[in-house]
């Protein structure tokens, strides 16, 4: 009986210690620097958004967040690396719309996009713009749509590479107008814009973060913005719906993820730090300079990002399959 009581007491103590383990681990997290992987090269919109967001989260967490650029294969290399990382909260990924579309573009991924990562929260959402070379004949979106009906096969539509936001927007644009244009892929947004400025290509669908200054200066011709409301920085640029493309909507949203098995206590702490960062007026100002804005606090949660990722995978899959443009 005495031995039984001792065994029972020891079991209770062991159970209490085991239960306290995660709490202690959560209290001590983070104890060192965190790595935030960016799946694109330094200097681009995603990299800039990552650095601004990381600075705010770092202040909330009390530890530095180091940016690591792991570019290649439309972001799938960075995603695979994050999925394989230790689920301890010290390796994170920031990715945009391309994470969802890669699930269809790449037919032999080494991970399941819907289950490989633990969502932390949405960060921001940026519109796209439909733009053309400055001397392109159509003067407005209705003019452009009429022009494409008769000259579509001779019109070039540039993009920043397979799986890029501009490529995806272009696919949806061609589906919306029911015309196949001549796609011209580039290795990034900078060479795309250089050739559009040089009048070497006719059209592009590019992020407002990259095209606003060129539209304002008249270096490129702006036809429409791809979100439901106009941009405050480009108040005269109509939405695609206003211009005649009903329900045409494309935006580049960014989210932060951890490896799948990361403890929920750590994910919640990261999500709280993200919401704290997004509430900072200085971050909103910095995002405004990029023609994007932080999401509402209700969207900077694991649940909201998980739903968005799943919905976007399902939304884009039939569009990409119909276009027949795959990366492998």
Protein backbone atom coordinates (compact mmCIF):
# COMPACT_ATOMS: atom_id res chain seq x y z
CA UNK A 1 0.00 0.00 0.00
CA UNK A 2 2.84 2.33 1.02
CA UNK A 3 4.69 1.58 -2.24
CA UNK A 4 1.48 2.17 -4.19
CA UNK A 5 0.97 5.57 -2.59
CA UNK A 6 4.55 6.53 -3.38
CA UNK A 7 4.13 5.41 -6.99
CA UNK A 8 0.88 7.36 -7.26
CA UNK A 9 2.47 10.50 -5.83
CA UNK A 10 5.43 10.18 -8.19
CA UNK A 11 3.06 9.81 -11.13
CA UNK A 12 1.22 12.97 -10.17
CA UNK A 13 4.47 14.90 -9.85
CA UNK A 14 5.68 13.59 -13.21
CA UNK A 15 2.41 14.54 -14.86
CA UNK A 16 2.57 18.03 -13.38
CA UNK A 17 6.15 18.46 -14.58
CA UNK A 18 5.21 17.24 -18.05
CA UNK A 19 2.25 19.62 -18.17
CA UNK A 20 4.45 22.51 -17.05
CA UNK A 21 6.98 21.82 -19.79
CA UNK A 22 5.21 23.61 -22.65
CA UNK A 23 4.35 26.55 -20.38
CA UNK A 24 7.98 26.98 -19.40
CA UNK A 25 9.05 26.63 -23.04
CA UNK A 26 6.48 29.24 -24.05
CA UNK A 27 7.63 31.63 -21.31
CA UNK A 28 11.21 31.35 -22.52
CA UNK A 29 10.41 31.76 -26.23
CA UNK A 30 12.05 33.40 -28.03
CA UNK A 31 15.45 33.04 -26.38
CA UNK A 32 17.49 33.88 -29.49
CA UNK A 33 17.26 35.36 -32.98
CA UNK A 34 14.52 34.18 -35.35
CA UNK A 35 15.08 33.65 -39.08
CA UNK A 36 12.42 34.90 -41.48
CA UNK A 37 12.87 33.31 -44.91
CA UNK A 38 11.92 35.43 -47.94
CA UNK A 39 11.44 33.36 -51.13
CA UNK A 40 12.58 36.17 -53.44
CA UNK A 41 15.66 38.30 -53.96
CA UNK A 42 16.52 41.29 -51.79
CA UNK A 43 15.08 44.65 -52.74
CA UNK A 44 11.75 43.47 -54.17
CA UNK A 45 8.28 44.19 -52.72
CA UNK A 46 8.09 40.98 -50.65
CA UNK A 47 11.58 41.56 -49.23
CA UNK A 48 10.71 45.14 -48.26
CA UNK A 49 7.42 44.08 -46.64
CA UNK A 50 9.29 41.33 -44.77
CA UNK A 51 11.90 43.73 -43.38
CA UNK A 52 9.35 46.30 -42.22
CA UNK A 53 7.18 43.61 -40.59
CA UNK A 54 10.16 41.84 -39.00
CA UNK A 55 11.30 45.07 -37.35
CA UNK A 56 7.90 45.52 -35.69
CA UNK A 57 7.61 41.89 -34.60
CA UNK A 58 11.16 41.97 -33.23
CA UNK A 59 10.26 44.84 -30.91
CA UNK A 60 7.24 42.92 -29.65
CA UNK A 61 9.17 39.68 -29.13
CA UNK A 62 12.33 41.20 -27.67
CA UNK A 63 14.61 39.29 -30.06
CA UNK A 64 16.04 40.12 -33.50
CA UNK A 65 14.43 38.68 -36.63
CA UNK A 66 17.01 38.04 -39.34
CA UNK A 67 15.96 38.08 -43.00
CA UNK A 68 17.27 35.29 -45.21
CA UNK A 69 16.57 35.46 -48.95
CA UNK A 70 16.13 31.98 -50.45
CA UNK A 71 15.05 32.60 -54.04
CA UNK A 72 14.28 30.12 -56.78
CA UNK A 73 11.57 27.93 -58.33
CA UNK A 74 8.75 30.37 -57.67
CA UNK A 75 9.28 30.26 -53.92
CA UNK A 76 9.04 26.47 -53.62
CA UNK A 77 12.67 26.11 -52.49
CA UNK A 78 12.08 28.46 -49.56
CA UNK A 79 8.78 26.76 -48.72
CA UNK A 80 10.34 23.29 -48.73
CA UNK A 81 13.16 24.51 -46.52
CA UNK A 82 10.72 25.97 -44.01
CA UNK A 83 8.60 22.82 -44.02
CA UNK A 84 11.71 20.76 -43.15
CA UNK A 85 12.93 23.12 -40.43
CA UNK A 86 12.74 22.32 -36.72
CA UNK A 87 9.26 23.27 -35.47
CA UNK A 88 10.59 25.44 -32.66
CA UNK A 89 9.52 28.90 -33.81
CA UNK A 90 13.00 29.97 -34.91
CA UNK A 91 12.42 29.50 -38.67
CA UNK A 92 9.54 31.34 -40.32
CA UNK A 93 8.45 32.01 -43.90
CA UNK A 94 6.80 35.03 -45.45
CA UNK A 95 5.15 34.30 -48.79
CA UNK A 96 2.49 35.78 -51.01
CA UNK A 97 -0.20 34.56 -53.39
CA UNK A 98 2.44 32.38 -55.10
CA UNK A 99 2.37 29.89 -52.22
CA UNK A 100 -1.23 29.03 -53.09
CA UNK A 101 -0.78 28.92 -56.85
CA UNK A 102 2.38 26.80 -56.66
CA UNK A 103 0.18 23.95 -55.47
CA UNK A 104 -1.11 23.67 -59.06
CA UNK A 105 1.75 25.19 -61.08
CA UNK A 106 4.17 22.57 -59.69
CA UNK A 107 2.72 19.08 -60.03
CA UNK A 108 5.44 17.27 -58.05
CA UNK A 109 6.04 19.38 -54.94
CA UNK A 110 7.94 17.74 -52.05
CA UNK A 111 5.29 19.01 -49.60
CA UNK A 112 1.52 19.37 -49.32
CA UNK A 113 0.82 23.10 -49.43
CA UNK A 114 -2.32 22.87 -47.32
CA UNK A 115 -0.68 20.93 -44.48
CA UNK A 116 3.09 21.54 -44.56
CA UNK A 117 3.01 24.85 -42.70
CA UNK A 118 1.43 26.37 -39.62
CA UNK A 119 -0.17 29.72 -40.52
CA UNK A 120 0.71 32.64 -38.25
CA UNK A 121 -1.27 35.46 -39.85
CA UNK A 122 -1.93 37.64 -42.88
CA UNK A 123 0.29 40.70 -43.20
CA UNK A 124 -0.77 42.87 -46.10
CA UNK A 125 -2.67 42.98 -49.36
CA UNK A 126 -1.52 44.90 -52.43
CA UNK A 127 -3.37 45.56 -55.69
CA UNK A 128 -2.12 44.88 -59.19
CA UNK A 129 -2.29 47.31 -62.10
CA UNK A 130 -2.87 46.65 -65.79
CA UNK A 131 -0.38 48.82 -67.64
CA UNK A 132 0.93 49.34 -71.17
CA UNK A 133 3.81 51.01 -72.97
CA UNK A 134 3.42 54.77 -73.09
CA UNK A 135 2.78 54.87 -76.86
CA UNK A 136 0.34 51.94 -76.94
CA UNK A 137 -2.67 52.92 -79.08
CA UNK A 138 -5.58 52.20 -76.66
CA UNK A 139 -6.19 55.21 -74.40
CA UNK A 140 -8.50 53.59 -71.84
CA UNK A 141 -9.56 50.18 -70.62
CA UNK A 142 -12.64 50.05 -72.90
CA UNK A 143 -10.35 50.99 -75.81
CA UNK A 144 -7.93 48.28 -74.77
CA UNK A 145 -10.63 45.60 -74.58
CA UNK A 146 -11.87 46.53 -78.04
CA UNK A 147 -8.31 46.52 -79.40
CA UNK A 148 -7.58 43.08 -77.98
CA UNK A 149 -10.65 41.59 -79.64
CA UNK A 150 -9.16 42.20 -83.08
CA UNK A 151 -5.40 42.26 -82.42
CA UNK A 152 -5.04 39.93 -79.43
CA UNK A 153 -2.79 37.38 -81.11
CA UNK A 154 -0.26 40.12 -81.94
CA UNK A 155 -0.20 41.74 -78.49
CA UNK A 156 2.60 40.90 -76.07
CA UNK A 157 1.87 40.51 -72.36
CA UNK A 158 4.99 40.60 -70.18
CA UNK A 159 5.38 38.89 -66.82
CA UNK A 160 8.11 38.56 -64.20
CA UNK A 161 8.45 34.80 -64.61
CA UNK A 162 6.41 31.64 -64.23
CA UNK A 163 4.46 31.73 -60.98
CA UNK A 164 5.08 35.42 -60.33
CA UNK A 165 2.17 37.66 -59.36
CA UNK A 166 2.32 39.35 -62.77
CA UNK A 167 2.18 35.96 -64.51
CA UNK A 168 -0.84 34.88 -62.46
CA UNK A 169 -2.61 38.18 -63.00
CA UNK A 170 -1.94 37.85 -66.73
CA UNK A 171 -3.46 34.36 -66.80
CA UNK A 172 -6.61 35.64 -65.12
CA UNK A 173 -6.73 38.68 -67.43
CA UNK A 174 -6.62 36.48 -70.54
CA UNK A 175 -9.32 34.24 -69.06
CA UNK A 176 -11.49 37.29 -68.31
CA UNK A 177 -11.23 38.69 -71.85
CA UNK A 178 -11.32 35.24 -73.47
CA UNK A 179 -8.29 36.06 -75.59
CA UNK A 180 -4.84 34.45 -75.73
CA UNK A 181 -2.07 37.04 -75.85
CA UNK A 182 1.62 36.37 -76.48
CA UNK A 183 3.20 35.87 -73.06
CA UNK A 184 6.74 37.20 -72.62
CA UNK A 185 8.40 35.96 -69.40
CA UNK A 186 11.27 37.80 -67.71
CA UNK A 187 13.53 36.91 -64.81
CA UNK A 188 12.01 39.37 -62.39
CA UNK A 189 10.01 42.57 -62.26
CA UNK A 190 12.90 44.94 -62.95
CA UNK A 191 13.77 43.66 -66.46
CA UNK A 192 10.03 43.51 -67.25
CA UNK A 193 9.61 47.18 -66.37
CA UNK A 194 12.78 48.13 -68.26
CA UNK A 195 11.44 46.64 -71.48
CA UNK A 196 7.98 48.14 -70.95
CA UNK A 197 9.60 51.55 -70.47
CA UNK A 198 11.68 50.86 -73.58
CA UNK A 199 8.49 50.02 -75.52
CA UNK A 200 9.72 46.48 -76.27
CA UNK A 201 6.47 44.88 -75.01
CA UNK A 202 2.87 46.04 -75.08
CA UNK A 203 1.23 45.16 -71.77
CA UNK A 204 1.90 43.90 -68.26
CA UNK A 205 0.01 43.23 -65.06
CA UNK A 206 2.30 44.49 -62.31
CA UNK A 207 2.09 45.19 -58.59
CA UNK A 208 1.09 48.74 -57.71
CA UNK A 209 4.15 48.79 -55.45
CA UNK A 210 6.29 48.70 -58.61
CA UNK A 211 4.19 50.60 -61.16
CA UNK A 212 2.66 53.61 -59.40
CA UNK A 213 5.52 56.05 -59.96
CA UNK A 214 5.79 55.11 -63.66
CA UNK A 215 2.03 55.59 -64.13
CA UNK A 216 2.14 58.98 -62.40
CA UNK A 217 5.06 60.14 -64.54
CA UNK A 218 3.48 58.94 -67.79
CA UNK A 219 6.31 56.54 -68.49
CA UNK A 220 3.76 53.76 -68.76
CA UNK A 221 0.04 53.91 -69.50
CA UNK A 222 -2.27 52.86 -66.67
CA UNK A 223 -5.49 51.10 -67.63
CA UNK A 224 -6.93 49.75 -64.38
CA UNK A 225 -6.29 48.65 -60.81
CA UNK A 226 -7.33 45.09 -59.99
CA UNK A 227 -9.03 45.64 -56.64
CA UNK A 228 -12.58 46.63 -55.73
CA UNK A 229 -11.67 50.21 -54.84
CA UNK A 230 -9.41 52.80 -56.44
CA UNK A 231 -5.97 53.58 -55.08
CA UNK A 232 -5.63 56.81 -53.13
CA UNK A 233 -2.26 57.31 -54.83
CA UNK A 234 -3.87 56.90 -58.28
CA UNK A 235 -7.39 58.30 -57.87
CA UNK A 236 -7.95 58.69 -61.62
CA UNK A 237 -7.13 55.05 -62.40
CA UNK A 238 -10.41 53.08 -62.58
CA UNK A 239 -10.91 49.65 -61.12
CA UNK A 240 -11.08 46.77 -63.58
CA UNK A 241 -14.78 46.35 -62.78
CA UNK A 242 -15.47 50.04 -63.47
CA UNK A 243 -13.58 49.71 -66.73
CA UNK A 244 -15.66 46.79 -68.01
CA UNK A 245 -14.13 43.62 -66.52
CA UNK A 246 -16.87 42.41 -64.20
CA UNK A 247 -15.67 40.72 -60.99
CA UNK A 248 -12.02 40.81 -62.08
CA UNK A 249 -10.02 40.94 -58.86
CA UNK A 250 -6.39 40.04 -58.16
CA UNK A 251 -4.35 41.11 -55.17
CA UNK A 252 -0.98 40.12 -53.80
CA UNK A 253 -1.49 39.10 -50.17
CA UNK A 254 1.35 38.16 -47.84
CA UNK A 255 1.28 35.81 -44.87
CA UNK A 256 3.74 34.46 -42.31
CA UNK A 257 4.09 30.72 -41.64
CA UNK A 258 5.99 28.36 -39.34
CA UNK A 259 6.72 24.63 -39.81
CA UNK A 260 3.64 22.44 -39.36
CA UNK A 261 4.38 20.95 -35.92
CA UNK A 262 5.27 24.25 -34.23
CA UNK A 263 3.58 24.32 -30.78
CA UNK A 264 0.38 26.33 -30.71
CA UNK A 265 1.63 28.41 -27.79
CA UNK A 266 4.51 29.64 -29.95
CA UNK A 267 2.29 30.23 -32.99
CA UNK A 268 -0.05 32.32 -30.82
CA UNK A 269 2.85 34.35 -29.46
CA UNK A 270 4.09 35.01 -33.01
CA UNK A 271 0.60 35.97 -34.14
CA UNK A 272 0.24 38.40 -31.22
CA UNK A 273 3.60 39.96 -32.14
CA UNK A 274 2.44 40.30 -35.74
CA UNK A 275 -0.76 42.09 -34.68
CA UNK A 276 1.28 44.40 -32.48
CA UNK A 277 3.56 45.24 -35.41
CA UNK A 278 0.65 45.88 -37.78
CA UNK A 279 -0.95 48.28 -35.29
CA UNK A 280 2.10 50.56 -35.38
CA UNK A 281 1.35 53.81 -37.30
CA UNK A 282 4.95 53.90 -38.54
CA UNK A 283 4.50 50.48 -40.19
CA UNK A 284 1.27 51.68 -41.83
CA UNK A 285 3.16 54.71 -43.15
CA UNK A 286 5.96 52.54 -44.54
CA UNK A 287 3.43 50.22 -46.18
CA UNK A 288 1.62 53.23 -47.61
CA UNK A 289 4.82 54.24 -49.37
CA UNK A 290 4.69 50.82 -51.06
CA UNK A 291 1.02 51.30 -52.06
CA UNK A 292 -0.12 48.53 -49.76
CA UNK A 293 -1.58 48.50 -46.28
CA UNK A 294 -1.57 46.24 -43.21
CA UNK A 295 -4.54 43.92 -42.84
CA UNK A 296 -7.05 44.37 -40.04
CA UNK A 297 -6.20 42.72 -36.73
CA UNK A 298 -8.92 40.09 -37.26
CA UNK A 299 -7.04 38.83 -40.34
CA UNK A 300 -3.60 38.68 -38.73
CA UNK A 301 -4.48 35.34 -37.13
CA UNK A 302 -3.60 31.72 -37.89
CA UNK A 303 -7.25 30.89 -38.61
CA UNK A 304 -7.76 33.71 -41.13
CA UNK A 305 -4.54 32.93 -42.99
CA UNK A 306 -5.33 29.20 -43.07
CA UNK A 307 -8.72 29.92 -44.65
CA UNK A 308 -7.22 32.34 -47.16
CA UNK A 309 -4.54 29.90 -48.25
CA UNK A 310 -7.03 27.06 -48.73
CA UNK A 311 -9.52 29.26 -50.57
CA UNK A 312 -6.86 30.65 -52.93
CA UNK A 313 -5.52 27.18 -53.76
CA UNK A 314 -9.04 26.16 -54.76
CA UNK A 315 -9.69 29.41 -56.63
CA UNK A 316 -6.57 29.32 -58.80
CA UNK A 317 -6.36 25.59 -59.56
CA UNK A 318 -8.94 25.55 -62.40
CA UNK A 319 -7.63 28.83 -63.87
CA UNK A 320 -4.07 27.50 -64.08
CA UNK A 321 -5.17 24.11 -65.42
CA UNK A 322 -7.26 25.78 -68.10
CA UNK A 323 -4.30 27.92 -69.11
CA UNK A 324 -2.14 24.80 -69.31
CA UNK A 325 0.92 26.61 -67.95
CA UNK A 326 2.85 24.45 -65.52
CA UNK A 327 6.30 24.82 -64.02
CA UNK A 328 7.36 21.17 -64.32
